[in-house]
Amino acid sequence: MHQYLDIYLRPDPEFPTHQLMAATFAKLHQVLAHTQAARIGVSFPGYNLYPATLGDTLRLFGSSDDLTSLMKKEWLTGVSDHVTCSAIAPVPATASARRLERVQAKGNPERYIRRQMRRRNLPETVVRATYMSAQPQRLHLPFVNVASSSSGQTFKLFLRLVNCNAQPVSGEFNTYGLSSTATVPWF
């Protein structure tokens, strides 16, 4: 992760920032899913917990070749009037290493039990005894509304910023530009 580029959302009186970010992030997810790109990571420099917001900038990390290849795909069609892209630039030497992780709230216990029965092929009594203590949970984290490219299901992708060691950790990223192990530069 030695190169990056920023995608800035332009202020628009008709669309709030979170809507523009959701549309831009959805386009990114589609192209990453279509190309199976696993070397592009994301961050949101405007990430803030109070108030919970991702800000107005989507930052992409990768090699110069990977970022150039991604931007040649013209995936910003449809939102290009609402965004401005920076040039690809080197990551500052002073950047720290952090990780954005997806956080999923424990929702309705009954739905959670049904899902665990289906996924793990366990009898209901076993799952109910194990998971009945699961209480519905409300998250107060920044999120972006997305639609899964595989299932088409719309959901809130809650994000938690994790402080990591000073040393970056390399690895692969999913189709949302997130990783459970790899870090991205934070500046």
N, C-alpha and C. Protein backbone atom coordinates (compact mmCIF):
# COMPACT_ATOMS: atom_id res chain seq x y z
N MET A 1 0.84 -1.18 0.00
CA MET A 1 0.00 0.00 0.00
C MET A 1 0.88 1.24 0.00
N HIS A 2 1.54 1.47 -1.09
CA HIS A 2 2.44 2.60 -1.17
C HIS A 2 1.87 3.77 -1.95
N GLN A 3 0.74 3.58 -2.61
CA GLN A 3 0.12 4.63 -3.42
C GLN A 3 -1.34 4.79 -2.98
N TYR A 4 -1.89 5.95 -3.23
CA TYR A 4 -3.29 6.19 -2.92
C TYR A 4 -3.87 7.22 -3.87
N LEU A 5 -5.18 7.30 -3.87
CA LEU A 5 -5.88 8.40 -4.54
C LEU A 5 -7.13 8.70 -3.75
N ASP A 6 -7.53 9.94 -3.79
CA ASP A 6 -8.72 10.40 -3.07
C ASP A 6 -9.85 10.68 -4.04
N ILE A 7 -11.05 10.32 -3.63
CA ILE A 7 -12.25 10.67 -4.36
C ILE A 7 -13.05 11.58 -3.44
N TYR A 8 -13.12 12.86 -3.83
CA TYR A 8 -13.79 13.87 -3.03
C TYR A 8 -15.23 14.03 -3.51
N LEU A 9 -16.16 14.09 -2.58
CA LEU A 9 -17.55 14.35 -2.91
C LEU A 9 -17.76 15.86 -2.97
N ARG A 10 -18.31 16.31 -4.06
CA ARG A 10 -18.62 17.74 -4.20
C ARG A 10 -19.90 18.05 -3.44
N PRO A 11 -19.96 19.19 -2.77
CA PRO A 11 -21.20 19.57 -2.08
C PRO A 11 -22.34 19.69 -3.11
N ASP A 12 -23.49 19.18 -2.76
CA ASP A 12 -24.63 19.23 -3.66
C ASP A 12 -25.88 19.55 -2.84
N PRO A 13 -26.61 20.60 -3.20
CA PRO A 13 -27.80 20.97 -2.42
C PRO A 13 -28.93 19.94 -2.52
N GLU A 14 -28.91 19.11 -3.55
CA GLU A 14 -29.99 18.14 -3.73
C GLU A 14 -29.74 16.81 -3.05
N PHE A 15 -28.46 16.47 -2.81
CA PHE A 15 -28.12 15.17 -2.23
C PHE A 15 -27.23 15.35 -1.01
N PRO A 16 -27.61 14.77 0.13
CA PRO A 16 -26.74 14.84 1.30
C PRO A 16 -25.47 14.02 1.07
N THR A 17 -24.42 14.35 1.81
CA THR A 17 -23.13 13.71 1.66
C THR A 17 -23.22 12.19 1.83
N HIS A 18 -23.99 11.73 2.82
CA HIS A 18 -24.06 10.28 3.05
C HIS A 18 -24.68 9.54 1.86
N GLN A 19 -25.60 10.19 1.15
CA GLN A 19 -26.20 9.56 -0.04
C GLN A 19 -25.19 9.48 -1.18
N LEU A 20 -24.41 10.54 -1.36
CA LEU A 20 -23.39 10.54 -2.40
C LEU A 20 -22.31 9.51 -2.08
N MET A 21 -21.93 9.39 -0.80
CA MET A 21 -20.93 8.40 -0.41
C MET A 21 -21.47 7.00 -0.66
N ALA A 22 -22.71 6.76 -0.34
CA ALA A 22 -23.30 5.43 -0.57
C ALA A 22 -23.30 5.08 -2.05
N ALA A 23 -23.65 6.03 -2.91
CA ALA A 23 -23.67 5.78 -4.35
C ALA A 23 -22.26 5.53 -4.88
N THR A 24 -21.30 6.31 -4.42
CA THR A 24 -19.91 6.15 -4.87
C THR A 24 -19.34 4.83 -4.37
N PHE A 25 -19.60 4.51 -3.11
CA PHE A 25 -19.10 3.26 -2.54
C PHE A 25 -19.75 2.06 -3.23
N ALA A 26 -21.02 2.17 -3.59
CA ALA A 26 -21.70 1.09 -4.30
C ALA A 26 -21.04 0.83 -5.65
N LYS A 27 -20.68 1.91 -6.34
CA LYS A 27 -19.99 1.76 -7.64
C LYS A 27 -18.64 1.06 -7.44
N LEU A 28 -17.91 1.45 -6.38
CA LEU A 28 -16.62 0.81 -6.09
C LEU A 28 -16.82 -0.67 -5.80
N HIS A 29 -17.80 -0.99 -4.98
CA HIS A 29 -18.07 -2.39 -4.65
C HIS A 29 -18.38 -3.20 -5.90
N GLN A 30 -19.16 -2.64 -6.80
CA GLN A 30 -19.50 -3.35 -8.04
C GLN A 30 -18.27 -3.66 -8.87
N VAL A 31 -17.39 -2.67 -9.05
CA VAL A 31 -16.21 -2.91 -9.88
C VAL A 31 -15.24 -3.87 -9.19
N LEU A 32 -15.10 -3.77 -7.88
CA LEU A 32 -14.21 -4.70 -7.17
C LEU A 32 -14.76 -6.13 -7.22
N ALA A 33 -16.06 -6.28 -7.12
CA ALA A 33 -16.67 -7.61 -7.20
C ALA A 33 -16.55 -8.18 -8.61
N HIS A 34 -16.76 -7.33 -9.61
CA HIS A 34 -16.70 -7.78 -11.00
C HIS A 34 -15.29 -8.19 -11.41
N THR A 35 -14.30 -7.43 -10.95
CA THR A 35 -12.91 -7.71 -11.35
C THR A 35 -12.18 -8.63 -10.37
N GLN A 36 -12.83 -8.95 -9.25
CA GLN A 36 -12.20 -9.77 -8.21
C GLN A 36 -10.88 -9.17 -7.73
N ALA A 37 -10.81 -7.85 -7.68
CA ALA A 37 -9.61 -7.16 -7.22
C ALA A 37 -9.48 -7.34 -5.72
N ALA A 38 -8.36 -7.87 -5.27
CA ALA A 38 -8.13 -8.13 -3.85
C ALA A 38 -6.98 -7.30 -3.29
N ARG A 39 -6.50 -6.35 -4.10
CA ARG A 39 -5.35 -5.55 -3.67
C ARG A 39 -5.69 -4.08 -3.53
N ILE A 40 -6.98 -3.76 -3.45
CA ILE A 40 -7.42 -2.37 -3.28
C ILE A 40 -8.05 -2.25 -1.90
N GLY A 41 -7.48 -1.38 -1.07
CA GLY A 41 -8.02 -1.12 0.26
C GLY A 41 -8.66 0.27 0.29
N VAL A 42 -9.55 0.48 1.24
CA VAL A 42 -10.22 1.77 1.37
C VAL A 42 -10.04 2.35 2.76
N SER A 43 -10.20 3.65 2.82
CA SER A 43 -10.33 4.34 4.11
C SER A 43 -11.18 5.58 3.88
N PHE A 44 -11.59 6.16 4.96
CA PHE A 44 -12.39 7.38 4.94
C PHE A 44 -11.70 8.39 5.85
N PRO A 45 -10.92 9.31 5.28
CA PRO A 45 -10.18 10.26 6.12
C PRO A 45 -11.07 11.09 7.04
N GLY A 46 -12.34 11.27 6.69
CA GLY A 46 -13.26 12.04 7.52
C GLY A 46 -13.98 11.21 8.56
N TYR A 47 -13.54 9.97 8.77
CA TYR A 47 -14.17 9.06 9.74
C TYR A 47 -14.21 9.75 11.11
N ASN A 48 -15.41 9.74 11.71
CA ASN A 48 -15.58 10.36 13.02
C ASN A 48 -16.69 9.62 13.76
N LEU A 49 -16.49 9.42 15.06
CA LEU A 49 -17.51 8.74 15.86
C LEU A 49 -18.59 9.68 16.38
N TYR A 50 -18.24 10.93 16.67
CA TYR A 50 -19.20 11.87 17.26
C TYR A 50 -19.18 13.18 16.50
N PRO A 51 -20.11 13.42 15.62
CA PRO A 51 -21.19 12.55 15.18
C PRO A 51 -20.67 11.46 14.24
N ALA A 52 -21.36 10.36 14.18
CA ALA A 52 -20.94 9.22 13.37
C ALA A 52 -21.04 9.58 11.88
N THR A 53 -19.88 9.70 11.26
CA THR A 53 -19.84 10.05 9.84
C THR A 53 -18.58 9.48 9.19
N LEU A 54 -18.69 9.22 7.91
CA LEU A 54 -17.53 8.79 7.13
C LEU A 54 -16.88 9.97 6.42
N GLY A 55 -17.52 11.11 6.45
CA GLY A 55 -16.96 12.30 5.82
C GLY A 55 -17.26 12.36 4.34
N ASP A 56 -16.49 13.18 3.63
CA ASP A 56 -16.77 13.43 2.22
C ASP A 56 -15.63 12.98 1.30
N THR A 57 -14.75 12.10 1.80
CA THR A 57 -13.64 11.61 0.98
C THR A 57 -13.52 10.11 1.10
N LEU A 58 -13.43 9.45 -0.04
CA LEU A 58 -13.17 8.01 -0.11
C LEU A 58 -11.74 7.86 -0.60
N ARG A 59 -10.89 7.23 0.20
CA ARG A 59 -9.47 7.08 -0.15
C ARG A 59 -9.21 5.62 -0.54
N LEU A 60 -8.59 5.43 -1.69
CA LEU A 60 -8.27 4.10 -2.20
C LEU A 60 -6.76 3.88 -2.14
N PHE A 61 -6.36 2.68 -1.71
CA PHE A 61 -4.95 2.32 -1.62
C PHE A 61 -4.65 1.13 -2.50
N GLY A 62 -3.44 1.08 -3.00
CA GLY A 62 -2.98 -0.05 -3.80
C GLY A 62 -1.68 0.33 -4.48
N SER A 63 -1.24 -0.53 -5.37
CA SER A 63 -0.06 -0.18 -6.16
C SER A 63 -0.49 0.81 -7.24
N SER A 64 0.46 1.49 -7.80
CA SER A 64 0.16 2.43 -8.87
C SER A 64 -0.54 1.72 -10.03
N ASP A 65 -0.06 0.52 -10.37
CA ASP A 65 -0.67 -0.25 -11.46
C ASP A 65 -2.11 -0.63 -11.15
N ASP A 66 -2.35 -1.09 -9.90
CA ASP A 66 -3.71 -1.50 -9.52
C ASP A 66 -4.68 -0.32 -9.53
N LEU A 67 -4.23 0.81 -9.01
CA LEU A 67 -5.09 2.00 -8.99
C LEU A 67 -5.35 2.53 -10.40
N THR A 68 -4.31 2.54 -11.23
CA THR A 68 -4.47 3.00 -12.62
C THR A 68 -5.45 2.08 -13.35
N SER A 69 -5.29 0.79 -13.18
CA SER A 69 -6.18 -0.18 -13.83
C SER A 69 -7.62 0.02 -13.36
N LEU A 70 -7.81 0.23 -12.07
CA LEU A 70 -9.15 0.44 -11.53
C LEU A 70 -9.79 1.68 -12.13
N MET A 71 -9.05 2.77 -12.20
CA MET A 71 -9.62 4.02 -12.68
C MET A 71 -9.87 4.01 -14.20
N LYS A 72 -9.20 3.16 -14.92
CA LYS A 72 -9.45 3.03 -16.36
C LYS A 72 -10.78 2.36 -16.65
N LYS A 73 -11.35 1.69 -15.67
CA LYS A 73 -12.60 0.97 -15.86
C LYS A 73 -13.82 1.89 -15.88
N GLU A 74 -13.62 3.17 -15.65
CA GLU A 74 -14.70 4.16 -15.70
C GLU A 74 -15.89 3.77 -14.82
N TRP A 75 -15.61 3.26 -13.64
CA TRP A 75 -16.64 2.82 -12.72
C TRP A 75 -17.39 3.97 -12.06
N LEU A 76 -16.89 5.18 -12.19
CA LEU A 76 -17.57 6.32 -11.58
C LEU A 76 -18.67 6.92 -12.45
N THR A 77 -18.95 6.28 -13.58
CA THR A 77 -20.04 6.73 -14.44
C THR A 77 -21.33 6.75 -13.61
N GLY A 78 -22.04 7.82 -13.69
CA GLY A 78 -23.28 7.95 -12.92
C GLY A 78 -23.11 8.84 -11.70
N VAL A 79 -21.90 8.88 -11.15
CA VAL A 79 -21.63 9.78 -10.03
C VAL A 79 -20.54 10.79 -10.37
N SER A 80 -20.06 10.76 -11.60
CA SER A 80 -18.93 11.60 -11.98
C SER A 80 -19.22 13.09 -11.83
N ASP A 81 -20.48 13.50 -11.92
CA ASP A 81 -20.82 14.91 -11.72
C ASP A 81 -20.71 15.33 -10.26
N HIS A 82 -20.63 14.35 -9.37
CA HIS A 82 -20.64 14.63 -7.93
C HIS A 82 -19.31 14.38 -7.25
N VAL A 83 -18.30 13.95 -8.01
CA VAL A 83 -17.01 13.63 -7.40
C VAL A 83 -15.85 14.27 -8.17
N THR A 84 -14.75 14.42 -7.47
CA THR A 84 -13.49 14.86 -8.06
C THR A 84 -12.43 13.87 -7.59
N CYS A 85 -11.60 13.41 -8.51
CA CYS A 85 -10.56 12.45 -8.16
C CYS A 85 -9.20 13.11 -8.17
N SER A 86 -8.39 12.77 -7.18
CA SER A 86 -7.02 13.27 -7.14
C SER A 86 -6.15 12.39 -8.03
N ALA A 87 -4.95 12.82 -8.25
CA ALA A 87 -3.97 11.99 -8.95
C ALA A 87 -3.45 10.93 -7.98
N ILE A 88 -2.91 9.87 -8.52
CA ILE A 88 -2.29 8.84 -7.69
C ILE A 88 -1.02 9.44 -7.10
N ALA A 89 -0.84 9.26 -5.79
CA ALA A 89 0.29 9.85 -5.09
C ALA A 89 0.88 8.85 -4.11
N PRO A 90 2.13 9.05 -3.73
CA PRO A 90 2.73 8.17 -2.73
C PRO A 90 2.16 8.44 -1.34
N VAL A 91 2.05 7.40 -0.55
CA VAL A 91 1.58 7.53 0.83
C VAL A 91 2.67 8.26 1.62
N PRO A 92 2.30 9.24 2.43
CA PRO A 92 3.30 9.95 3.24
C PRO A 92 4.03 8.99 4.20
N ALA A 93 5.29 9.23 4.39
CA ALA A 93 6.10 8.38 5.27
C ALA A 93 5.63 8.44 6.71
N THR A 94 4.92 9.49 7.08
CA THR A 94 4.45 9.66 8.46
C THR A 94 3.12 8.96 8.74
N ALA A 95 2.55 8.29 7.75
CA ALA A 95 1.24 7.65 7.92
C ALA A 95 1.34 6.50 8.92
N SER A 96 0.31 6.38 9.75
CA SER A 96 0.25 5.23 10.66
C SER A 96 -0.51 4.10 9.98
N ALA A 97 -0.52 2.93 10.62
CA ALA A 97 -1.22 1.77 10.06
C ALA A 97 -2.48 1.52 10.89
N ARG A 98 -3.63 1.48 10.21
CA ARG A 98 -4.90 1.21 10.88
C ARG A 98 -5.71 0.27 10.02
N ARG A 99 -6.76 -0.24 10.61
CA ARG A 99 -7.62 -1.17 9.88
C ARG A 99 -9.07 -0.76 10.09
N LEU A 100 -9.81 -0.77 9.00
CA LEU A 100 -11.26 -0.59 9.07
C LEU A 100 -11.87 -1.97 9.08
N GLU A 101 -12.73 -2.24 10.05
CA GLU A 101 -13.37 -3.54 10.09
C GLU A 101 -14.88 -3.39 10.07
N ARG A 102 -15.51 -4.35 9.45
CA ARG A 102 -16.96 -4.38 9.43
C ARG A 102 -17.45 -4.88 10.78
N VAL A 103 -18.48 -4.24 11.28
CA VAL A 103 -19.09 -4.65 12.55
C VAL A 103 -20.55 -4.96 12.27
N GLN A 104 -20.99 -6.13 12.70
CA GLN A 104 -22.38 -6.53 12.52
C GLN A 104 -23.05 -6.61 13.88
N ALA A 105 -24.16 -5.93 14.01
CA ALA A 105 -24.91 -5.93 15.26
C ALA A 105 -25.64 -7.24 15.43
N LYS A 106 -25.75 -7.66 16.68
CA LYS A 106 -26.60 -8.80 16.97
C LYS A 106 -28.03 -8.28 16.91
N GLY A 107 -28.78 -8.78 15.97
CA GLY A 107 -30.14 -8.30 15.78
C GLY A 107 -31.15 -9.12 16.53
N ASN A 108 -32.24 -9.39 15.90
CA ASN A 108 -33.32 -10.18 16.47
C ASN A 108 -32.81 -11.57 16.82
N PRO A 109 -32.92 -12.00 18.09
CA PRO A 109 -32.40 -13.32 18.48
C PRO A 109 -33.02 -14.47 17.69
N GLU A 110 -34.30 -14.37 17.37
CA GLU A 110 -34.95 -15.46 16.62
C GLU A 110 -34.36 -15.60 15.22
N ARG A 111 -34.14 -14.48 14.56
CA ARG A 111 -33.53 -14.52 13.23
C ARG A 111 -32.09 -15.04 13.32
N TYR A 112 -31.38 -14.61 14.37
CA TYR A 112 -30.01 -15.07 14.59
C TYR A 112 -29.97 -16.59 14.79
N ILE A 113 -30.91 -17.12 15.54
CA ILE A 113 -30.99 -18.57 15.79
C ILE A 113 -31.29 -19.31 14.49
N ARG A 114 -32.26 -18.83 13.72
CA ARG A 114 -32.57 -19.49 12.44
C ARG A 114 -31.36 -19.50 11.51
N ARG A 115 -30.66 -18.38 11.46
CA ARG A 115 -29.48 -18.29 10.59
C ARG A 115 -28.39 -19.26 11.04
N GLN A 116 -28.17 -19.37 12.34
CA GLN A 116 -27.15 -20.29 12.84
C GLN A 116 -27.54 -21.75 12.58
N MET A 117 -28.82 -22.05 12.69
CA MET A 117 -29.30 -23.41 12.39
C MET A 117 -29.02 -23.74 10.93
N ARG A 118 -29.31 -22.81 10.06
CA ARG A 118 -29.13 -23.02 8.63
C ARG A 118 -27.65 -23.11 8.28
N ARG A 119 -26.83 -22.23 8.81
CA ARG A 119 -25.42 -22.19 8.45
C ARG A 119 -24.62 -23.35 9.05
N ARG A 120 -24.95 -23.72 10.27
CA ARG A 120 -24.15 -24.75 10.95
C ARG A 120 -24.82 -26.11 11.02
N ASN A 121 -26.06 -26.17 10.47
CA ASN A 121 -26.79 -27.44 10.42
C ASN A 121 -26.91 -28.07 11.81
N LEU A 122 -27.34 -27.26 12.77
CA LEU A 122 -27.51 -27.72 14.15
C LEU A 122 -28.99 -27.74 14.50
N PRO A 123 -29.39 -28.61 15.43
CA PRO A 123 -30.80 -28.61 15.85
C PRO A 123 -31.15 -27.33 16.61
N GLU A 124 -32.42 -26.96 16.53
CA GLU A 124 -32.85 -25.70 17.12
C GLU A 124 -32.58 -25.65 18.62
N THR A 125 -32.78 -26.75 19.34
CA THR A 125 -32.57 -26.74 20.80
C THR A 125 -31.12 -26.42 21.16
N VAL A 126 -30.18 -26.93 20.39
CA VAL A 126 -28.76 -26.67 20.67
C VAL A 126 -28.45 -25.19 20.41
N VAL A 127 -28.91 -24.68 19.27
CA VAL A 127 -28.63 -23.29 18.93
C VAL A 127 -29.32 -22.35 19.91
N ARG A 128 -30.57 -22.66 20.25
CA ARG A 128 -31.33 -21.81 21.17
C ARG A 128 -30.64 -21.75 22.53
N ALA A 129 -30.18 -22.88 23.03
CA ALA A 129 -29.50 -22.90 24.33
C ALA A 129 -28.20 -22.09 24.28
N THR A 130 -27.51 -22.16 23.17
CA THR A 130 -26.23 -21.48 23.05
C THR A 130 -26.39 -19.99 22.80
N TYR A 131 -27.35 -19.61 21.97
CA TYR A 131 -27.44 -18.23 21.51
C TYR A 131 -28.59 -17.42 22.08
N MET A 132 -29.40 -17.99 22.94
CA MET A 132 -30.57 -17.25 23.42
C MET A 132 -30.18 -16.02 24.23
N SER A 133 -28.98 -16.01 24.75
CA SER A 133 -28.57 -14.84 25.52
C SER A 133 -28.23 -13.65 24.62
N ALA A 134 -28.25 -13.87 23.30
CA ALA A 134 -27.95 -12.77 22.37
C ALA A 134 -29.06 -11.72 22.46
N GLN A 135 -28.69 -10.51 22.80
CA GLN A 135 -29.64 -9.42 22.91
C GLN A 135 -29.52 -8.51 21.69
N PRO A 136 -30.64 -7.95 21.24
CA PRO A 136 -30.54 -7.00 20.15
C PRO A 136 -29.56 -5.88 20.52
N GLN A 137 -28.84 -5.40 19.54
CA GLN A 137 -27.79 -4.43 19.79
C GLN A 137 -27.91 -3.28 18.81
N ARG A 138 -27.71 -2.07 19.29
CA ARG A 138 -27.69 -0.88 18.42
C ARG A 138 -26.26 -0.42 18.31
N LEU A 139 -25.84 -0.18 17.09
CA LEU A 139 -24.49 0.31 16.86
C LEU A 139 -24.52 1.81 16.64
N HIS A 140 -23.54 2.49 17.20
CA HIS A 140 -23.41 3.93 17.01
C HIS A 140 -22.08 4.19 16.31
N LEU A 141 -21.92 3.57 15.16
CA LEU A 141 -20.71 3.69 14.36
C LEU A 141 -21.06 4.29 13.00
N PRO A 142 -20.08 4.90 12.34
CA PRO A 142 -20.34 5.36 10.97
C PRO A 142 -20.67 4.17 10.07
N PHE A 143 -21.52 4.41 9.10
CA PHE A 143 -21.91 3.34 8.18
C PHE A 143 -22.17 3.91 6.80
N VAL A 144 -22.22 2.99 5.85
CA VAL A 144 -22.61 3.33 4.49
C VAL A 144 -23.64 2.30 4.06
N ASN A 145 -24.71 2.75 3.41
CA ASN A 145 -25.71 1.83 2.89
C ASN A 145 -25.19 1.21 1.61
N VAL A 146 -25.22 -0.11 1.52
CA VAL A 146 -24.73 -0.80 0.33
C VAL A 146 -25.69 -1.93 -0.04
N ALA A 147 -25.57 -2.35 -1.27
CA ALA A 147 -26.30 -3.53 -1.74
C ALA A 147 -25.26 -4.57 -2.12
N SER A 148 -25.40 -5.75 -1.60
CA SER A 148 -24.46 -6.83 -1.89
C SER A 148 -24.51 -7.18 -3.37
N SER A 149 -23.35 -7.32 -3.98
CA SER A 149 -23.32 -7.69 -5.40
C SER A 149 -23.69 -9.16 -5.59
N SER A 150 -23.53 -9.97 -4.56
CA SER A 150 -23.85 -11.40 -4.70
C SER A 150 -25.32 -11.70 -4.40
N SER A 151 -25.86 -11.10 -3.33
CA SER A 151 -27.24 -11.41 -2.95
C SER A 151 -28.23 -10.33 -3.34
N GLY A 152 -27.73 -9.11 -3.60
CA GLY A 152 -28.62 -8.01 -3.92
C GLY A 152 -29.25 -7.39 -2.69
N GLN A 153 -28.99 -7.95 -1.52
CA GLN A 153 -29.58 -7.47 -0.28
C GLN A 153 -28.96 -6.14 0.14
N THR A 154 -29.80 -5.19 0.54
CA THR A 154 -29.34 -3.89 0.99
C THR A 154 -29.16 -3.93 2.51
N PHE A 155 -28.05 -3.35 2.97
CA PHE A 155 -27.79 -3.34 4.41
C PHE A 155 -26.88 -2.17 4.76
N LYS A 156 -26.77 -1.90 6.05
CA LYS A 156 -25.85 -0.88 6.53
C LYS A 156 -24.52 -1.56 6.84
N LEU A 157 -23.46 -1.07 6.23
CA LEU A 157 -22.12 -1.58 6.47
C LEU A 157 -21.49 -0.68 7.53
N PHE A 158 -21.57 -1.13 8.80
CA PHE A 158 -21.00 -0.39 9.91
C PHE A 158 -19.50 -0.60 9.94
N LEU A 159 -18.75 0.46 10.19
CA LEU A 159 -17.29 0.40 10.16
C LEU A 159 -16.69 0.89 11.47
N ARG A 160 -15.73 0.12 11.97
CA ARG A 160 -14.98 0.50 13.17
C ARG A 160 -13.52 0.67 12.78
N LEU A 161 -12.94 1.76 13.22
CA LEU A 161 -11.53 2.02 12.96
C LEU A 161 -10.72 1.44 14.10
N VAL A 162 -9.79 0.55 13.76
CA VAL A 162 -9.00 -0.16 14.76
C VAL A 162 -7.57 0.36 14.73
N ASN A 163 -7.06 0.73 15.90
CA ASN A 163 -5.65 1.12 16.01
C ASN A 163 -4.82 -0.15 15.93
N CYS A 164 -3.77 -0.10 15.16
CA CYS A 164 -2.91 -1.26 14.99
C CYS A 164 -1.49 -0.89 15.39
N ASN A 165 -0.63 -1.85 15.27
CA ASN A 165 0.78 -1.58 15.52
C ASN A 165 1.27 -0.55 14.52
N ALA A 166 2.41 0.02 14.80
CA ALA A 166 2.99 1.01 13.90
C ALA A 166 3.38 0.38 12.56
N GLN A 167 3.62 -0.91 12.56
CA GLN A 167 4.03 -1.60 11.33
C GLN A 167 2.81 -2.00 10.51
N PRO A 168 2.81 -1.71 9.22
CA PRO A 168 1.70 -2.13 8.37
C PRO A 168 1.67 -3.65 8.21
N VAL A 169 0.47 -4.17 8.02
CA VAL A 169 0.27 -5.60 7.79
C VAL A 169 -0.32 -5.75 6.39
N SER A 170 0.33 -6.54 5.55
CA SER A 170 -0.19 -6.72 4.19
C SER A 170 -1.16 -7.89 4.18
N GLY A 171 -1.96 -7.93 3.14
CA GLY A 171 -2.96 -8.99 2.99
C GLY A 171 -3.93 -8.63 1.89
N GLU A 172 -4.94 -9.46 1.75
CA GLU A 172 -5.94 -9.23 0.71
C GLU A 172 -7.14 -8.50 1.29
N PHE A 173 -7.85 -7.82 0.38
CA PHE A 173 -9.04 -7.06 0.73
C PHE A 173 -10.25 -7.67 0.04
N ASN A 174 -11.41 -7.53 0.66
CA ASN A 174 -12.63 -8.06 0.05
C ASN A 174 -13.20 -7.07 -0.96
N THR A 175 -14.37 -7.36 -1.45
CA THR A 175 -14.96 -6.52 -2.50
C THR A 175 -15.50 -5.19 -1.97
N TYR A 176 -15.38 -4.96 -0.67
CA TYR A 176 -15.70 -3.66 -0.08
C TYR A 176 -14.42 -2.89 0.23
N GLY A 177 -13.26 -3.46 -0.09
CA GLY A 177 -11.98 -2.80 0.19
C GLY A 177 -11.57 -2.93 1.64
N LEU A 178 -12.17 -3.89 2.36
CA LEU A 178 -11.88 -4.11 3.78
C LEU A 178 -11.13 -5.42 3.96
N SER A 179 -10.44 -5.55 5.08
CA SER A 179 -9.72 -6.78 5.39
C SER A 179 -9.81 -7.04 6.89
N SER A 180 -9.85 -8.29 7.27
CA SER A 180 -9.87 -8.62 8.69
C SER A 180 -8.45 -8.64 9.27
N THR A 181 -7.44 -8.59 8.42
CA THR A 181 -6.06 -8.63 8.90
C THR A 181 -5.19 -7.49 8.37
N ALA A 182 -5.34 -7.14 7.11
CA ALA A 182 -4.48 -6.14 6.47
C ALA A 182 -4.82 -4.73 6.95
N THR A 183 -3.80 -3.91 7.03
CA THR A 183 -3.98 -2.51 7.43
C THR A 183 -3.88 -1.61 6.20
N VAL A 184 -4.35 -0.39 6.38
CA VAL A 184 -4.17 0.65 5.36
C VAL A 184 -3.46 1.82 6.03
N PRO A 185 -2.73 2.60 5.26
CA PRO A 185 -2.11 3.79 5.84
C PRO A 185 -3.20 4.77 6.31
N TRP A 186 -2.94 5.41 7.43
CA TRP A 186 -3.92 6.38 7.94
C TRP A 186 -3.24 7.73 8.12
N PHE A 187 -3.75 8.70 7.42
CA PHE A 187 -3.22 10.07 7.51
C PHE A 187 -4.30 11.06 7.16
